[in-house]
Amino acid sequence: MKKLLIAPLAVAALALTGLVPSASGAATVKSDDMSTVASTAQCKSLTALSTVHVRKSASTRSTSLRLWYKGTKGCDIKGVDGGSYKNTCGIDSYHYWRKVNYRGTVGYVPNVCVKYS
């Protein structure tokens, strides 16, 4: 009886995450999500040096999507040149950012606030 209840829940969970069961029984990924999946598969682990905002674009004026807490890990996607920031993570002024995936949120953090782990 429990197995009958688990299967529909598993299919629903896969559908919510963008993975959809195919006729062969293997999960497939929607093409829109391929770049995110590729980035996650090649994840270079980063650790936050302090609690920072994960922003929508590489600018301190950009919307904060969430907080990335000090000491926790995320995935590096790529480095980008962006808006300058001042007095951030012990650096007077700089302008380089990291595009990251932190717990499913893709956004930008100041380069000086993370390190490879």
N, C-alpha and C. Protein backbone atom coordinates (compact mmCIF):
# COMPACT_ATOMS: atom_id res chain seq x y z
N MET A 1 0.82 -1.19 0.00
CA MET A 1 0.00 0.00 0.00
C MET A 1 0.86 1.26 0.00
N LYS A 2 1.96 1.28 0.79
CA LYS A 2 2.81 2.45 0.86
C LYS A 2 3.47 2.74 -0.48
N LYS A 3 3.86 1.70 -1.22
CA LYS A 3 4.49 1.89 -2.52
C LYS A 3 3.54 2.57 -3.49
N LEU A 4 2.26 2.29 -3.40
CA LEU A 4 1.29 2.91 -4.29
C LEU A 4 1.16 4.40 -4.03
N LEU A 5 1.36 4.83 -2.80
CA LEU A 5 1.27 6.25 -2.46
C LEU A 5 2.55 7.01 -2.78
N ILE A 6 3.68 6.36 -2.70
CA ILE A 6 4.96 7.03 -2.91
C ILE A 6 5.18 7.39 -4.38
N ALA A 7 4.81 6.52 -5.30
CA ALA A 7 5.05 6.76 -6.73
C ALA A 7 4.41 8.06 -7.22
N PRO A 8 3.12 8.33 -6.95
CA PRO A 8 2.55 9.60 -7.42
C PRO A 8 3.23 10.82 -6.79
N LEU A 9 3.64 10.69 -5.53
CA LEU A 9 4.33 11.81 -4.88
C LEU A 9 5.68 12.06 -5.52
N ALA A 10 6.38 11.00 -5.89
CA ALA A 10 7.68 11.15 -6.54
C ALA A 10 7.53 11.82 -7.90
N VAL A 11 6.52 11.44 -8.66
CA VAL A 11 6.28 12.04 -9.97
C VAL A 11 5.93 13.52 -9.81
N ALA A 12 5.12 13.84 -8.82
CA ALA A 12 4.76 15.24 -8.57
C ALA A 12 5.99 16.06 -8.18
N ALA A 13 6.86 15.50 -7.35
CA ALA A 13 8.07 16.21 -6.95
C ALA A 13 8.98 16.45 -8.15
N LEU A 14 9.12 15.47 -9.01
CA LEU A 14 9.93 15.64 -10.22
C LEU A 14 9.35 16.71 -11.12
N ALA A 15 8.04 16.74 -11.25
CA ALA A 15 7.40 17.75 -12.10
C ALA A 15 7.64 19.15 -11.56
N LEU A 16 7.62 19.31 -10.23
CA LEU A 16 7.85 20.63 -9.63
C LEU A 16 9.28 21.09 -9.82
N THR A 17 10.24 20.18 -9.88
CA THR A 17 11.63 20.56 -10.04
C THR A 17 12.03 20.70 -11.50
N GLY A 18 11.11 20.40 -12.42
CA GLY A 18 11.42 20.52 -13.84
C GLY A 18 11.85 19.22 -14.47
N LEU A 19 11.97 18.19 -13.67
CA LEU A 19 12.30 16.87 -14.20
C LEU A 19 11.00 16.13 -14.44
N VAL A 20 10.82 15.58 -15.61
CA VAL A 20 9.58 14.92 -15.97
C VAL A 20 9.89 13.50 -16.40
N PRO A 21 9.17 12.49 -15.86
CA PRO A 21 9.44 11.13 -16.29
C PRO A 21 9.11 10.95 -17.77
N SER A 22 9.96 10.22 -18.47
CA SER A 22 9.71 9.94 -19.88
C SER A 22 9.10 8.56 -20.01
N ALA A 23 8.75 8.18 -21.23
CA ALA A 23 8.14 6.89 -21.49
C ALA A 23 9.08 5.75 -21.09
N SER A 24 10.38 5.98 -21.15
CA SER A 24 11.34 4.93 -20.79
C SER A 24 11.50 4.79 -19.29
N GLY A 25 10.92 5.72 -18.53
CA GLY A 25 11.04 5.66 -17.08
C GLY A 25 12.17 6.54 -16.55
N ALA A 26 13.04 7.03 -17.41
CA ALA A 26 14.13 7.91 -16.98
C ALA A 26 13.62 9.34 -16.94
N ALA A 27 14.17 10.14 -16.07
CA ALA A 27 13.77 11.54 -15.97
C ALA A 27 14.47 12.35 -17.05
N THR A 28 13.74 13.29 -17.64
CA THR A 28 14.31 14.19 -18.63
C THR A 28 14.21 15.61 -18.12
N VAL A 29 15.03 16.49 -18.66
CA VAL A 29 15.07 17.87 -18.23
C VAL A 29 14.56 18.76 -19.36
N LYS A 30 13.73 19.74 -19.00
CA LYS A 30 13.26 20.70 -20.00
C LYS A 30 14.44 21.48 -20.55
N SER A 31 14.41 21.83 -21.82
CA SER A 31 15.55 22.50 -22.46
C SER A 31 15.86 23.85 -21.82
N ASP A 32 14.87 24.54 -21.26
CA ASP A 32 15.10 25.84 -20.62
C ASP A 32 16.04 25.72 -19.43
N ASP A 33 16.06 24.55 -18.80
CA ASP A 33 16.85 24.36 -17.60
C ASP A 33 18.23 23.78 -17.88
N MET A 34 18.58 23.56 -19.13
CA MET A 34 19.84 22.89 -19.46
C MET A 34 21.06 23.66 -18.98
N SER A 35 21.06 24.99 -19.08
CA SER A 35 22.24 25.75 -18.66
C SER A 35 22.44 25.65 -17.15
N THR A 36 21.34 25.65 -16.39
CA THR A 36 21.45 25.50 -14.95
C THR A 36 21.94 24.11 -14.58
N VAL A 37 21.43 23.09 -15.26
CA VAL A 37 21.86 21.72 -15.00
C VAL A 37 23.33 21.56 -15.34
N ALA A 38 23.76 22.12 -16.47
CA ALA A 38 25.16 22.03 -16.87
C ALA A 38 26.05 22.72 -15.84
N SER A 39 25.62 23.86 -15.35
CA SER A 39 26.41 24.58 -14.35
C SER A 39 26.53 23.79 -13.06
N THR A 40 25.44 23.17 -12.65
CA THR A 40 25.45 22.39 -11.42
C THR A 40 26.33 21.16 -11.56
N ALA A 41 26.31 20.54 -12.75
CA ALA A 41 27.11 19.33 -12.97
C ALA A 41 28.60 19.64 -12.89
N GLN A 42 29.00 20.86 -13.23
CA GLN A 42 30.40 21.26 -13.21
C GLN A 42 30.67 22.21 -12.05
N CYS A 43 30.00 22.01 -10.96
CA CYS A 43 30.06 22.92 -9.81
C CYS A 43 31.46 23.03 -9.24
N LYS A 44 31.91 24.28 -9.12
CA LYS A 44 33.13 24.58 -8.37
C LYS A 44 32.62 25.15 -7.05
N SER A 45 32.89 24.47 -5.98
CA SER A 45 32.34 24.83 -4.69
C SER A 45 32.95 26.13 -4.15
N LEU A 46 32.08 27.02 -3.68
CA LEU A 46 32.48 28.28 -3.05
C LEU A 46 31.95 28.32 -1.63
N THR A 47 32.68 28.99 -0.75
CA THR A 47 32.23 29.21 0.62
C THR A 47 32.16 30.71 0.86
N ALA A 48 31.07 31.16 1.48
CA ALA A 48 30.90 32.58 1.80
C ALA A 48 31.81 32.96 2.97
N LEU A 49 32.57 34.04 2.81
CA LEU A 49 33.46 34.53 3.87
C LEU A 49 32.71 35.38 4.89
N SER A 50 31.57 35.91 4.49
CA SER A 50 30.67 36.63 5.39
C SER A 50 29.27 36.51 4.81
N THR A 51 28.27 36.90 5.55
CA THR A 51 26.90 36.84 5.04
C THR A 51 26.73 37.94 4.00
N VAL A 52 26.31 37.56 2.79
CA VAL A 52 26.17 38.51 1.69
C VAL A 52 24.83 38.33 0.99
N HIS A 53 24.41 39.36 0.28
CA HIS A 53 23.20 39.30 -0.53
C HIS A 53 23.52 38.65 -1.88
N VAL A 54 22.69 37.70 -2.29
CA VAL A 54 22.75 37.16 -3.65
C VAL A 54 21.82 38.07 -4.45
N ARG A 55 22.38 38.77 -5.44
CA ARG A 55 21.62 39.80 -6.16
C ARG A 55 21.21 39.36 -7.56
N LYS A 56 20.18 40.00 -8.07
CA LYS A 56 19.62 39.68 -9.38
C LYS A 56 20.60 40.01 -10.51
N SER A 57 21.38 41.07 -10.35
CA SER A 57 22.41 41.43 -11.32
C SER A 57 23.66 41.87 -10.55
N ALA A 58 24.75 42.06 -11.26
CA ALA A 58 26.03 42.38 -10.63
C ALA A 58 26.12 43.86 -10.26
N SER A 59 25.29 44.25 -9.30
CA SER A 59 25.26 45.63 -8.84
C SER A 59 24.71 45.68 -7.42
N THR A 60 25.25 46.57 -6.60
CA THR A 60 24.73 46.71 -5.23
C THR A 60 23.34 47.33 -5.23
N ARG A 61 22.94 47.93 -6.32
CA ARG A 61 21.60 48.52 -6.42
C ARG A 61 20.56 47.51 -6.92
N SER A 62 21.02 46.33 -7.29
CA SER A 62 20.14 45.29 -7.79
C SER A 62 19.35 44.65 -6.64
N THR A 63 18.21 44.09 -6.98
CA THR A 63 17.36 43.42 -6.00
C THR A 63 18.09 42.25 -5.34
N SER A 64 17.97 42.17 -4.03
CA SER A 64 18.52 41.02 -3.29
C SER A 64 17.54 39.87 -3.40
N LEU A 65 18.03 38.71 -3.87
CA LEU A 65 17.18 37.54 -4.02
C LEU A 65 17.12 36.72 -2.74
N ARG A 66 18.22 36.70 -1.98
CA ARG A 66 18.30 35.98 -0.71
C ARG A 66 19.64 36.28 -0.06
N LEU A 67 19.80 35.85 1.16
CA LEU A 67 21.08 35.97 1.85
C LEU A 67 21.85 34.66 1.72
N TRP A 68 23.17 34.79 1.55
CA TRP A 68 24.07 33.64 1.56
C TRP A 68 24.84 33.78 2.87
N TYR A 69 24.66 32.81 3.77
CA TYR A 69 25.20 32.91 5.11
C TYR A 69 26.67 32.48 5.20
N LYS A 70 27.40 33.18 6.04
CA LYS A 70 28.83 32.94 6.25
C LYS A 70 29.09 31.46 6.54
N GLY A 71 30.09 30.91 5.85
CA GLY A 71 30.51 29.54 6.09
C GLY A 71 29.75 28.48 5.32
N THR A 72 28.67 28.85 4.63
CA THR A 72 27.91 27.87 3.85
C THR A 72 28.43 27.83 2.42
N LYS A 73 28.14 26.73 1.73
CA LYS A 73 28.67 26.51 0.38
C LYS A 73 27.64 26.72 -0.71
N GLY A 74 28.13 27.11 -1.86
CA GLY A 74 27.33 27.27 -3.07
C GLY A 74 28.18 26.89 -4.26
N CYS A 75 27.64 27.07 -5.46
CA CYS A 75 28.35 26.71 -6.68
C CYS A 75 28.69 27.94 -7.50
N ASP A 76 29.93 27.98 -7.97
CA ASP A 76 30.39 29.05 -8.85
C ASP A 76 29.94 28.74 -10.28
N ILE A 77 29.39 29.72 -10.97
CA ILE A 77 29.02 29.56 -12.38
C ILE A 77 30.04 30.27 -13.26
N LYS A 78 30.29 31.57 -12.98
CA LYS A 78 31.31 32.30 -13.74
C LYS A 78 31.57 33.65 -13.08
N GLY A 79 32.68 34.26 -13.45
CA GLY A 79 33.02 35.59 -12.97
C GLY A 79 32.54 36.63 -13.96
N VAL A 80 32.13 37.77 -13.45
CA VAL A 80 31.67 38.86 -14.31
C VAL A 80 32.16 40.19 -13.78
N ASP A 81 32.37 41.12 -14.70
CA ASP A 81 32.70 42.49 -14.34
C ASP A 81 31.37 43.21 -14.16
N GLY A 82 31.22 43.93 -13.06
CA GLY A 82 29.94 44.59 -12.81
C GLY A 82 30.11 45.91 -12.11
N GLY A 83 29.06 46.32 -11.43
CA GLY A 83 29.08 47.57 -10.70
C GLY A 83 30.07 47.52 -9.54
N SER A 84 30.65 48.67 -9.22
CA SER A 84 31.64 48.70 -8.13
C SER A 84 30.94 48.62 -6.78
N TYR A 85 31.65 48.10 -5.81
CA TYR A 85 31.17 48.05 -4.44
C TYR A 85 32.28 48.54 -3.52
N LYS A 86 31.89 49.12 -2.40
CA LYS A 86 32.85 49.71 -1.47
C LYS A 86 32.66 49.12 -0.08
N ASN A 87 33.77 49.02 0.64
CA ASN A 87 33.75 48.54 2.02
C ASN A 87 32.98 47.23 2.16
N THR A 88 33.28 46.28 1.28
CA THR A 88 32.62 44.99 1.28
C THR A 88 33.63 43.90 1.60
N CYS A 89 33.32 43.11 2.62
CA CYS A 89 34.16 41.97 3.01
C CYS A 89 35.62 42.37 3.19
N GLY A 90 35.85 43.56 3.74
CA GLY A 90 37.20 44.01 4.05
C GLY A 90 37.96 44.66 2.91
N ILE A 91 37.32 44.85 1.76
CA ILE A 91 37.96 45.48 0.60
C ILE A 91 37.38 46.88 0.42
N ASP A 92 38.27 47.87 0.24
CA ASP A 92 37.82 49.26 0.10
C ASP A 92 36.93 49.48 -1.11
N SER A 93 37.38 49.02 -2.29
CA SER A 93 36.61 49.23 -3.51
C SER A 93 37.02 48.20 -4.56
N TYR A 94 36.02 47.60 -5.22
CA TYR A 94 36.28 46.60 -6.26
C TYR A 94 35.05 46.48 -7.15
N HIS A 95 35.15 45.76 -8.26
CA HIS A 95 34.03 45.69 -9.20
C HIS A 95 33.81 44.30 -9.81
N TYR A 96 34.50 43.28 -9.31
CA TYR A 96 34.34 41.95 -9.90
C TYR A 96 33.36 41.12 -9.07
N TRP A 97 32.47 40.40 -9.75
CA TRP A 97 31.41 39.63 -9.14
C TRP A 97 31.50 38.16 -9.56
N ARG A 98 30.85 37.27 -8.80
CA ARG A 98 30.71 35.86 -9.17
C ARG A 98 29.23 35.59 -9.40
N LYS A 99 28.92 34.96 -10.54
CA LYS A 99 27.58 34.45 -10.75
C LYS A 99 27.57 33.09 -10.06
N VAL A 100 26.61 32.87 -9.16
CA VAL A 100 26.60 31.68 -8.32
C VAL A 100 25.22 31.02 -8.28
N ASN A 101 25.22 29.79 -7.83
CA ASN A 101 23.98 29.08 -7.52
C ASN A 101 24.07 28.73 -6.05
N TYR A 102 23.27 29.40 -5.25
CA TYR A 102 23.25 29.14 -3.82
C TYR A 102 21.88 28.58 -3.44
N ARG A 103 21.85 27.31 -3.13
CA ARG A 103 20.62 26.61 -2.72
C ARG A 103 19.48 26.84 -3.70
N GLY A 104 19.80 26.76 -4.99
CA GLY A 104 18.77 26.88 -6.02
C GLY A 104 18.53 28.29 -6.52
N THR A 105 19.10 29.29 -5.88
CA THR A 105 18.96 30.68 -6.32
C THR A 105 20.20 31.05 -7.12
N VAL A 106 20.00 31.46 -8.38
CA VAL A 106 21.11 31.89 -9.23
C VAL A 106 21.15 33.41 -9.20
N GLY A 107 22.32 33.94 -8.83
CA GLY A 107 22.47 35.38 -8.75
C GLY A 107 23.94 35.75 -8.63
N TYR A 108 24.20 36.97 -8.17
CA TYR A 108 25.56 37.53 -8.15
C TYR A 108 25.95 37.95 -6.74
N VAL A 109 27.22 37.69 -6.40
CA VAL A 109 27.78 38.12 -5.12
C VAL A 109 29.13 38.77 -5.39
N PRO A 110 29.57 39.70 -4.53
CA PRO A 110 30.91 40.28 -4.70
C PRO A 110 31.98 39.19 -4.64
N ASN A 111 32.90 39.25 -5.57
CA ASN A 111 33.97 38.25 -5.69
C ASN A 111 34.78 38.12 -4.40
N VAL A 112 35.00 39.22 -3.71
CA VAL A 112 35.85 39.20 -2.52
C VAL A 112 35.17 38.57 -1.31
N CYS A 113 33.89 38.26 -1.42
CA CYS A 113 33.14 37.70 -0.29
C CYS A 113 33.03 36.18 -0.33
N VAL A 114 33.65 35.55 -1.33
CA VAL A 114 33.61 34.09 -1.43
C VAL A 114 35.00 33.56 -1.73
N LYS A 115 35.22 32.28 -1.39
CA LYS A 115 36.48 31.65 -1.73
C LYS A 115 36.18 30.22 -2.21
N TYR A 116 37.07 29.70 -3.06
CA TYR A 116 36.91 28.32 -3.50
C TYR A 116 37.17 27.38 -2.34
N SER A 117 36.34 26.37 -2.23
CA SER A 117 36.51 25.42 -1.11
C SER A 117 36.59 24.00 -1.60
